C-alpha atoms as a PDB file:
ATOM      1  CA  MET A   1      18.579 -54.768  -6.112  1.00  0.00           C
ATOM      2  CA  LEU A   2      15.078 -53.893  -4.973  1.00  0.00           C
ATOM      3  CA  ALA A   3      16.486 -52.472  -1.738  1.00  0.00           C
ATOM      4  CA  LEU A   4      18.928 -50.361  -3.739  1.00  0.00           C
ATOM      5  CA  GLY A   5      16.082 -49.035  -5.915  1.00  0.00           C
ATOM      6  CA  LEU A   6      14.060 -48.085  -2.844  1.00  0.00           C
ATOM      7  CA  SER A   7      17.037 -46.397  -1.232  1.00  0.00           C
ATOM      8  CA  ALA A   8      17.662 -44.298  -4.337  1.00  0.00           C
ATOM      9  CA  ALA A   9      13.989 -43.357  -4.520  1.00  0.00           C
ATOM     10  CA  MET A  10      13.926 -42.438  -0.823  1.00  0.00           C
ATOM     11  CA  MET A  11      17.092 -40.360  -1.195  1.00  0.00           C
ATOM     12  CA  SER A  12      15.553 -38.514  -4.151  1.00  0.00           C
ATOM     13  CA  ALA A  13      12.398 -37.846  -2.151  1.00  0.00           C
ATOM     14  CA  LEU A  14      14.434 -36.555   0.794  1.00  0.00           C
ATOM     15  CA  ALA A  15      16.408 -34.291  -1.517  1.00  0.00           C
ATOM     16  CA  LEU A  16      13.132 -32.821  -2.812  1.00  0.00           C
ATOM     17  CA  VAL A  17      11.846 -32.282   0.725  1.00  0.00           C
ATOM     18  CA  GLY A  18      15.092 -30.501   1.622  1.00  0.00           C
ATOM     19  CA  ALA A  19      14.637 -28.224  -1.393  1.00  0.00           C
ATOM     20  CA  ALA A  20      11.206 -27.073  -0.218  1.00  0.00           C
ATOM     21  CA  PRO A  21      10.816 -23.323   0.361  1.00  0.00           C
ATOM     22  CA  ALA A  22      11.319 -22.059   3.912  1.00  0.00           C
ATOM     23  CA  VAL A  23       7.848 -20.449   3.963  1.00  0.00           C
ATOM     24  CA  ALA A  24       5.105 -22.749   5.184  1.00  0.00           C
ATOM     25  CA  ALA A  25       1.892 -23.014   3.207  1.00  0.00           C
ATOM     26  CA  GLY A  26      -0.745 -20.669   4.554  1.00  0.00           C
ATOM     27  CA  GLU A  27       1.819 -18.236   6.009  1.00  0.00           C
ATOM     28  CA  ARG A  28       0.344 -14.753   6.595  1.00  0.00           C
ATOM     29  CA  TYR A  29       2.065 -11.375   6.689  1.00  0.00           C
ATOM     30  CA  VAL A  30       1.561  -7.797   7.913  1.00  0.00           C
ATOM     31  CA  ILE A  31       1.443  -4.565   5.883  1.00  0.00           C
ATOM     32  CA  ALA A  32       2.495  -1.453   7.826  1.00  0.00           C
ATOM     33  CA  GLY A  33       3.806   2.076   7.279  1.00  0.00           C
ATOM     34  CA  THR A  34       3.323   5.785   7.981  1.00  0.00           C
ATOM     35  CA  VAL A  35       1.153   8.535   6.509  1.00  0.00           C
ATOM     36  CA  ASN A  36       2.129  12.215   6.480  1.00  0.00           C
ATOM     37  CA  THR A  37       1.297  15.582   4.926  1.00  0.00           C
ATOM     38  CA  PRO A  38       3.391  18.638   4.019  1.00  0.00           C
ATOM     39  CA  ASP A  39       3.371  21.339   6.718  1.00  0.00           C
ATOM     40  CA  GLY A  40       3.974  24.263   4.346  1.00  0.00           C
ATOM     41  CA  THR A  41       7.655  24.699   5.266  1.00  0.00           C
ATOM     42  CA  GLY A  42       9.009  21.785   3.245  1.00  0.00           C
ATOM     43  CA  ALA A  43       8.787  19.372   6.167  1.00  0.00           C
ATOM     44  CA  PHE A  44       6.228  16.623   6.669  1.00  0.00           C
ATOM     45  CA  VAL A  45       4.035  15.941   9.706  1.00  0.00           C
ATOM     46  CA  PRO A  46       2.273  12.690  10.653  1.00  0.00           C
ATOM     47  CA  LEU A  47      -1.431  12.343   9.867  1.00  0.00           C
ATOM     48  CA  ASP A  48      -3.768  10.852  12.473  1.00  0.00           C
ATOM     49  CA  GLY A  49      -7.104   9.297  11.493  1.00  0.00           C
ATOM     50  CA  VAL A  50      -6.269   8.267   7.922  1.00  0.00           C
ATOM     51  CA  GLU A  51      -8.249   5.223   6.823  1.00  0.00           C
ATOM     52  CA  ALA A  52      -5.932   2.674   5.221  1.00  0.00           C
ATOM     53  CA  SER A  53      -7.727  -0.043   3.238  1.00  0.00           C
ATOM     54  CA  VAL A  54      -6.286  -3.092   1.529  1.00  0.00           C
ATOM     55  CA  SER A  55      -7.923  -4.967  -1.302  1.00  0.00           C
ATOM     56  CA  PHE A  56      -6.680  -7.987  -3.218  1.00  0.00           C
ATOM     57  CA  THR A  57      -5.270  -7.488  -6.716  1.00  0.00           C
ATOM     58  CA  GLU A  58      -4.222 -11.059  -7.557  1.00  0.00           C
ATOM     59  CA  PRO A  59      -6.414 -12.993 -10.007  1.00  0.00           C
ATOM     60  CA  GLY A  60      -8.703 -15.459  -8.278  1.00  0.00           C
ATOM     61  CA  SER A  61      -8.675 -13.564  -4.985  1.00  0.00           C
ATOM     62  CA  SER A  62     -11.769 -13.305  -2.848  1.00  0.00           C
ATOM     63  CA  GLY A  63     -12.051  -9.563  -3.388  1.00  0.00           C
ATOM     64  CA  SER A  64     -11.736  -8.974   0.348  1.00  0.00           C
ATOM     65  CA  ARG A  65     -11.162  -5.479   1.722  1.00  0.00           C
ATOM     66  CA  TYR A  66      -9.648  -4.731   5.144  1.00  0.00           C
ATOM     67  CA  SER A  67      -9.297  -1.348   6.872  1.00  0.00           C
ATOM     68  CA  THR A  68      -7.353   0.197   9.734  1.00  0.00           C
ATOM     69  CA  THR A  69      -6.720   3.782  10.877  1.00  0.00           C
ATOM     70  CA  SER A  70      -3.457   5.659  11.372  1.00  0.00           C
ATOM     71  CA  VAL A  71      -2.671   6.861  14.902  1.00  0.00           C
ATOM     72  CA  ALA A  72      -1.180  10.140  16.206  1.00  0.00           C
ATOM     73  CA  ASP A  73       2.364   9.380  14.969  1.00  0.00           C
ATOM     74  CA  GLY A  74       0.998   8.585  11.472  1.00  0.00           C
ATOM     75  CA  THR A  75       1.637   4.844  11.704  1.00  0.00           C
ATOM     76  CA  PHE A  76      -0.800   2.160  10.607  1.00  0.00           C
ATOM     77  CA  GLU A  77      -0.594  -1.605  10.687  1.00  0.00           C
ATOM     78  CA  PHE A  78      -2.829  -4.458   9.606  1.00  0.00           C
ATOM     79  CA  THR A  79      -2.028  -6.913  12.407  1.00  0.00           C
ATOM     80  CA  SER A  80      -5.050  -8.837  13.632  1.00  0.00           C
ATOM     81  CA  VAL A  81      -5.615 -12.368  12.364  1.00  0.00           C
ATOM     82  CA  GLY A  82      -8.328 -11.077  10.029  1.00  0.00           C
ATOM     83  CA  ASN A  83      -6.029  -8.343   8.722  1.00  0.00           C
ATOM     84  CA  SER A  84      -2.919 -10.335   7.863  1.00  0.00           C
ATOM     85  CA  PHE A  85      -2.380 -11.421   4.300  1.00  0.00           C
ATOM     86  CA  PRO A  86      -1.049 -14.332   2.270  1.00  0.00           C
ATOM     87  CA  ALA A  87       1.716 -13.688  -0.245  1.00  0.00           C
ATOM     88  CA  GLY A  88       0.454 -11.786  -3.288  1.00  0.00           C
ATOM     89  CA  GLY A  89      -0.251  -8.374  -4.746  1.00  0.00           C
ATOM     90  CA  TYR A  90      -2.378  -5.776  -2.985  1.00  0.00           C
ATOM     91  CA  THR A  91      -3.493  -2.173  -3.353  1.00  0.00           C
ATOM     92  CA  VAL A  92      -3.436  -0.022  -0.207  1.00  0.00           C
ATOM     93  CA  GLU A  93      -5.697   3.036  -0.384  1.00  0.00           C
ATOM     94  CA  PHE A  94      -5.389   5.994   2.008  1.00  0.00           C
ATOM     95  CA  ALA A  95      -8.285   8.388   2.588  1.00  0.00           C
ATOM     96  CA  LEU A  96      -8.976  11.285   4.945  1.00  0.00           C
ATOM     97  CA  GLU A  97     -11.618  13.981   4.530  1.00  0.00           C
ATOM     98  CA  GLY A  98     -10.044  17.166   3.167  1.00  0.00           C
ATOM     99  CA  TYR A  99      -7.126  15.301   1.542  1.00  0.00           C
ATOM    100  CA  CYS A 100      -6.506  13.650  -1.815  1.00  0.00           C
ATOM    101  CA  THR A 101      -6.966   9.877  -1.780  1.00  0.00           C
ATOM    102  CA  VAL A 102      -3.789   7.934  -2.590  1.00  0.00           C
ATOM    103  CA  SER A 103      -3.410   4.305  -3.755  1.00  0.00           C
ATOM    104  CA  VAL A 104      -0.128   2.423  -3.394  1.00  0.00           C
ATOM    105  CA  PRO A 105       0.733  -1.107  -4.602  1.00  0.00           C
ATOM    106  CA  ALA A 106       2.150  -3.610  -2.107  1.00  0.00           C
ATOM    107  CA  VAL A 107       3.632  -6.982  -3.020  1.00  0.00           C
ATOM    108  CA  ILE A 108       4.142  -9.583  -0.307  1.00  0.00           C
ATOM    109  CA  VAL A 109       6.571 -12.334  -1.232  1.00  0.00           C
ATOM    110  CA  ASP A 110       7.693 -14.072   1.976  1.00  0.00           C
ATOM    111  CA  GLN A 111       7.946 -11.427   4.682  1.00  0.00           C
ATOM    112  CA  ASN A 112       6.101  -8.528   6.315  1.00  0.00           C
ATOM    113  CA  VAL A 113       5.969  -5.342   4.237  1.00  0.00           C
ATOM    114  CA  THR A 114       6.661  -1.808   5.478  1.00  0.00           C
ATOM    115  CA  LEU A 115       5.634   0.697   2.824  1.00  0.00           C
ATOM    116  CA  ALA A 116       7.635   3.834   2.093  1.00  0.00           C
ATOM    117  CA  PRO A 117       6.034   6.867   3.794  1.00  0.00           C
ATOM    118  CA  VAL A 118       2.793   7.854   2.055  1.00  0.00           C
ATOM    119  CA  THR A 119       2.051  11.579   1.622  1.00  0.00           C
ATOM    120  CA  LEU A 120      -1.495  12.922   1.427  1.00  0.00           C
ATOM    121  CA  PHE A 121      -1.910  16.419   0.006  1.00  0.00           C
ATOM    122  CA  PRO A 122      -4.726  18.697   1.202  1.00  0.00           C
ATOM    123  CA  LEU A 123      -7.522  19.442  -1.238  1.00  0.00           C
ATOM    124  CA  MET A 124      -7.423  23.016  -2.449  1.00  0.00           C
ATOM    125  CA  VAL A 125     -10.123  25.286  -1.101  1.00  0.00           C
ATOM    126  CA  PRO A 126     -12.216  26.973  -3.801  1.00  0.00           C
ATOM    127  CA  GLY A 127     -11.346  30.629  -4.141  1.00  0.00           C
ATOM    128  CA  THR A 128     -11.253  33.579  -6.483  1.00  0.00           C
ATOM    129  CA  VAL A 129      -8.551  34.411  -9.002  1.00  0.00           C
ATOM    130  CA  THR A 130      -8.194  38.073  -9.906  1.00  0.00           C
ATOM    131  CA  ILE A 131      -6.469  39.008 -13.139  1.00  0.00           C
ATOM    132  CA  SER A 132      -5.463  42.584 -13.754  1.00  0.00           C
ATOM    133  CA  GLY A 133      -3.864  44.378 -16.669  1.00  0.00           C
ATOM    134  CA  ASP A 134      -4.697  44.819 -20.317  1.00  0.00           C
ATOM    135  CA  PRO A 135      -6.168  41.777 -22.059  1.00  0.00           C
ATOM    136  CA  VAL A 136      -4.141  40.267 -24.879  1.00  0.00           C
ATOM    137  CA  VAL A 137      -6.138  38.703 -27.696  1.00  0.00           C
ATOM    138  CA  GLY A 138      -5.284  35.022 -28.144  1.00  0.00           C
ATOM    139  CA  THR A 139      -3.947  34.530 -24.617  1.00  0.00           C
ATOM    140  CA  VAL A 140      -5.432  31.537 -22.835  1.00  0.00           C
ATOM    141  CA  LEU A 141      -5.611  31.342 -19.055  1.00  0.00           C
ATOM    142  CA  THR A 142      -5.877  27.903 -17.477  1.00  0.00           C
ATOM    143  CA  ALA A 143      -6.538  27.395 -13.787  1.00  0.00           C
ATOM    144  CA  SER A 144      -6.833  24.189 -11.782  1.00  0.00           C
ATOM    145  CA  THR A 145      -8.378  23.703  -8.372  1.00  0.00           C
ATOM    146  CA  SER A 146      -7.009  20.231  -7.708  1.00  0.00           C
ATOM    147  CA  ALA A 147      -3.872  19.591  -5.701  1.00  0.00           C
ATOM    148  CA  CYS A 148      -4.225  15.824  -6.157  1.00  0.00           C
ATOM    149  CA  ARG A 149      -1.421  14.140  -8.020  1.00  0.00           C
END
């Protein structure tokens, strides 16, 4: 009877081991994607030199921040050992001088993540607005100089 009890316990333990997730503890993943900008015709062109930074958003994280730069075809990838990430939630921030900064959430579950293309819009250059015609009392004119969304 003791042997039977041990066999049942061993079978239960084996069943639990077989039910373990396929992802090994400590597994690390890559975040990648492309960055572009509108070209003025309705199309988009790749942006070279965009700094992509990742910071942890999960509670209890170390608060680490990693950066990489997009290349000529607009692609970026965090691939080195120091720039791969455990499963969790992250914020990827994209910045380039003369463009609006964009932040995008990324959630890694159990595989590498390729973000949807990220679009950076150019900052508007300060200029002059000329209004002509007869003024109408009570009319309010509002102007904005920010193209950031």
